[in-house]
Amino acid sequence: MTKQEQHSSILGDKDRLTAFYLEVLTNLRYVVDKIWASARFFATLVSALVSVSVGSAIVLAKGEAWLVSRALLGAVVSVIPILLIGIAVIGFLNLKREYRRYLEVVVVAAKLQEVLGLNEPIETTRFPKDKTLLPSRYSRGNYVSSEEFVDSEFRRRGNLYWYLKLRHGTYAVIGLLLVAAVWTIVGRSAC
């Protein structure tokens, strides 16, 4: 059997395609869960770093560093904001990689929906305005390639990637603000 014949037999086998489609949907849920787990991880890490940084800066500013040396506390206060900026960048790059994986799974699911006929016109009395089995929000538009779809989703505002990218940008801004605050506190305590 040639590759073309194998390809045609696979596309003609609705049971195998349906099983593959269900596996793709499971993978889609897994990828989305991974994105949210990563978002929670970075939010927790950033919260801890901000808490330690702010707490250390307050203790340093009040001159109440009697439990630890002032030099150690100053080092902690100085390093954490820079570390926070680095973590924000790493989190953003991780988000970009995971979201690309998500979109690639969406592309596979959309192709399988087409092959399985889930986008074919239907008539139903339950939702008479719906013209296909899937709600219209699942329509992925007319793209020439999967890469075009992925690129357009990265540029689109208001999706999960956009919100989480904004969140990582906020983490970086918090880090910059903490750097400015540390310089101010260190400047005042040196006088």
Protein backbone atom coordinates (compact mmCIF):
# COMPACT_ATOMS: atom_id res chain seq x y z
CA MET A 1 0.00 0.00 0.00
CA THR A 2 1.44 3.38 -0.99
CA LYS A 3 1.56 6.35 1.35
CA GLN A 4 -1.24 8.02 -0.63
CA GLU A 5 -3.44 4.94 -0.20
CA GLN A 6 -2.63 4.78 3.53
CA HIS A 7 -3.49 8.48 3.87
CA SER A 8 -6.81 7.98 2.04
CA SER A 9 -7.70 4.95 4.15
CA ILE A 10 -7.00 6.83 7.38
CA LEU A 11 -9.08 9.84 6.29
CA GLY A 12 -11.90 7.50 5.28
CA ASP A 13 -11.93 5.66 8.61
CA LYS A 14 -14.34 7.76 10.71
CA ASP A 15 -13.87 5.57 13.81
CA ARG A 16 -10.10 6.11 13.84
CA LEU A 17 -10.54 9.82 13.14
CA THR A 18 -13.12 10.15 15.92
CA ALA A 19 -10.80 8.37 18.37
CA PHE A 20 -7.96 10.66 17.30
CA TYR A 21 -10.22 13.71 17.66
CA LEU A 22 -11.12 12.69 21.23
CA GLU A 23 -7.41 12.26 21.98
CA VAL A 24 -6.72 15.72 20.56
CA LEU A 25 -9.45 17.21 22.77
CA THR A 26 -7.89 15.52 25.81
CA ASN A 27 -4.53 16.96 24.80
CA LEU A 28 -6.15 20.38 24.39
CA ARG A 29 -7.46 20.25 27.96
CA TYR A 30 -4.02 19.15 29.17
CA VAL A 31 -2.28 22.05 27.40
CA VAL A 32 -4.76 24.58 28.79
CA ASP A 33 -4.33 23.15 32.30
CA LYS A 34 -0.56 23.43 31.87
CA ILE A 35 -0.86 27.10 30.87
CA TRP A 36 -2.93 27.85 33.98
CA ALA A 37 -0.60 25.83 36.24
CA SER A 38 2.33 27.83 34.90
CA ALA A 39 0.44 31.10 35.43
CA ARG A 40 -0.30 30.09 39.05
CA PHE A 41 3.34 29.10 39.60
CA PHE A 42 4.70 32.43 38.39
CA ALA A 43 2.05 34.40 40.30
CA THR A 44 2.96 32.58 43.51
CA LEU A 45 6.67 33.08 42.94
CA VAL A 46 6.23 36.77 42.18
CA SER A 47 4.00 37.26 45.23
CA ALA A 48 6.59 35.64 47.48
CA LEU A 49 9.42 37.72 46.04
CA VAL A 50 7.47 40.96 46.31
CA SER A 51 6.52 40.16 49.92
CA VAL A 52 10.10 39.40 50.91
CA SER A 53 11.40 42.45 49.05
CA VAL A 54 8.88 44.87 50.51
CA GLY A 55 9.20 43.42 54.00
CA SER A 56 12.98 43.59 53.85
CA ALA A 57 12.88 47.14 52.51
CA ILE A 58 10.59 48.25 55.35
CA VAL A 59 12.85 46.66 57.96
CA LEU A 60 15.91 48.22 56.32
CA ALA A 61 14.27 51.65 56.09
CA LYS A 62 13.23 51.64 59.75
CA GLY A 63 16.67 50.48 60.81
CA GLU A 64 15.21 47.52 62.70
CA ALA A 65 17.48 44.91 61.16
CA TRP A 66 18.46 43.44 64.52
CA LEU A 67 17.77 39.81 63.51
CA VAL A 68 20.04 39.80 60.46
CA SER A 69 22.95 41.90 59.41
CA ARG A 70 22.16 45.13 57.59
CA ALA A 71 24.49 44.13 54.74
CA LEU A 72 22.64 40.84 54.17
CA LEU A 73 19.28 42.59 54.27
CA GLY A 74 20.56 45.23 51.85
CA ALA A 75 21.73 42.49 49.47
CA VAL A 76 18.34 40.76 49.62
CA VAL A 77 16.51 44.03 49.00
CA SER A 78 18.80 44.83 46.06
CA VAL A 79 18.79 41.43 44.36
CA ILE A 80 15.12 40.44 44.59
CA PRO A 81 13.73 43.16 42.27
CA ILE A 82 16.26 42.22 39.59
CA LEU A 83 15.40 38.56 40.10
CA LEU A 84 11.72 39.50 39.77
CA ILE A 85 12.33 41.13 36.38
CA GLY A 86 14.22 38.02 35.23
CA ILE A 87 11.39 35.76 36.38
CA ALA A 88 8.87 37.93 34.52
CA VAL A 89 10.88 37.51 31.30
CA ILE A 90 11.25 33.75 31.82
CA GLY A 91 7.52 33.48 32.57
CA PHE A 92 6.65 35.39 29.40
CA LEU A 93 8.89 33.17 27.24
CA ASN A 94 7.38 30.09 28.86
CA LEU A 95 3.87 31.43 28.22
CA LYS A 96 4.71 32.06 24.57
CA ARG A 97 6.00 28.50 24.12
CA GLU A 98 3.00 26.92 25.88
CA TYR A 99 0.46 29.08 24.06
CA ARG A 100 2.04 28.14 20.71
CA ARG A 101 1.55 24.46 21.65
CA TYR A 102 -2.07 25.21 22.55
CA LEU A 103 -2.67 26.88 19.18
CA GLU A 104 -1.06 23.97 17.33
CA VAL A 105 -3.46 21.57 19.06
CA VAL A 106 -6.36 23.91 18.15
CA VAL A 107 -5.24 23.71 14.51
CA VAL A 108 -5.24 19.91 14.58
CA ALA A 109 -8.69 19.91 16.22
CA ALA A 110 -10.04 22.34 13.60
CA LYS A 111 -8.74 20.17 10.77
CA LEU A 112 -10.30 17.08 12.31
CA GLN A 113 -13.61 18.92 12.80
CA GLU A 114 -13.58 19.68 9.08
CA VAL A 115 -12.73 16.10 8.07
CA LEU A 116 -15.34 14.64 10.45
CA GLY A 117 -17.99 16.97 9.06
CA LEU A 118 -18.59 18.89 12.27
CA ASN A 119 -18.58 22.13 10.26
CA GLU A 120 -21.17 20.93 7.74
CA PRO A 121 -24.44 22.87 7.58
CA ILE A 122 -27.24 21.40 9.68
CA GLU A 123 -30.85 22.20 10.36
CA THR A 124 -32.19 21.94 13.88
CA THR A 125 -35.24 23.24 15.69
CA ARG A 126 -33.36 23.45 19.01
CA PHE A 127 -31.14 26.37 17.89
CA PRO A 128 -32.52 27.35 14.49
CA LYS A 129 -30.06 30.22 13.91
CA ASP A 130 -27.04 27.92 14.29
CA LYS A 131 -26.00 26.70 10.88
CA THR A 132 -23.38 24.15 12.03
CA LEU A 133 -23.08 21.62 14.82
CA LEU A 134 -20.35 23.67 16.53
CA PRO A 135 -21.20 27.17 17.78
CA SER A 136 -20.00 29.95 15.51
CA ARG A 137 -17.34 31.01 18.02
CA TYR A 138 -15.51 27.78 17.11
CA SER A 139 -15.20 28.92 13.53
CA ARG A 140 -11.50 29.59 12.99
CA GLY A 141 -11.94 31.87 9.98
CA ASN A 142 -10.36 31.43 6.60
CA TYR A 143 -6.63 31.03 6.94
CA VAL A 144 -4.28 29.84 4.23
CA SER A 145 -2.05 27.96 6.67
CA SER A 146 -1.89 26.92 10.28
CA GLU A 147 1.09 29.27 10.76
CA GLU A 148 -1.07 32.19 9.60
CA PHE A 149 -3.70 31.24 12.19
CA VAL A 150 -1.11 30.91 14.99
CA ASP A 151 0.49 34.26 14.10
CA SER A 152 -2.89 36.01 14.00
CA GLU A 153 -3.82 34.60 17.42
CA PHE A 154 -0.58 35.91 18.91
CA ARG A 155 -1.43 39.39 17.60
CA ARG A 156 -5.10 39.31 18.66
CA ARG A 157 -6.06 41.32 21.73
CA GLY A 158 -8.34 40.04 24.46
CA ASN A 159 -7.41 36.36 24.34
CA LEU A 160 -5.74 34.31 27.09
CA TYR A 161 -2.25 34.99 25.71
CA TRP A 162 -2.86 38.74 25.71
CA TYR A 163 -4.03 38.75 29.34
CA LEU A 164 -1.22 36.56 30.62
CA LYS A 165 1.36 38.55 28.62
CA LEU A 166 -0.01 41.69 30.28
CA ARG A 167 0.33 39.96 33.65
CA HIS A 168 4.01 39.15 33.04
CA GLY A 169 4.58 42.72 31.90
CA THR A 170 3.05 43.89 35.17
CA TYR A 171 5.46 41.66 37.07
CA ALA A 172 8.38 43.32 35.26
CA VAL A 173 6.99 46.79 36.06
CA ILE A 174 6.65 45.81 39.72
CA GLY A 175 10.28 44.71 39.63
CA LEU A 176 11.33 48.06 38.17
CA LEU A 177 9.33 49.94 40.79
CA LEU A 178 10.97 47.88 43.51
CA VAL A 179 14.42 48.67 42.06
CA ALA A 180 13.55 52.39 42.23
CA ALA A 181 12.23 51.99 45.78
CA VAL A 182 15.38 50.13 46.85
CA TRP A 183 17.61 52.89 45.45
CA THR A 184 15.54 55.47 47.30
CA ILE A 185 15.71 53.54 50.60
CA VAL A 186 19.41 52.79 50.26
CA GLY A 187 20.05 56.44 49.41
CA ARG A 188 18.17 57.61 52.51
CA SER A 189 19.78 55.10 54.84
CA ALA A 190 23.27 56.01 53.60
CA CYS A 191 22.75 59.65 54.60
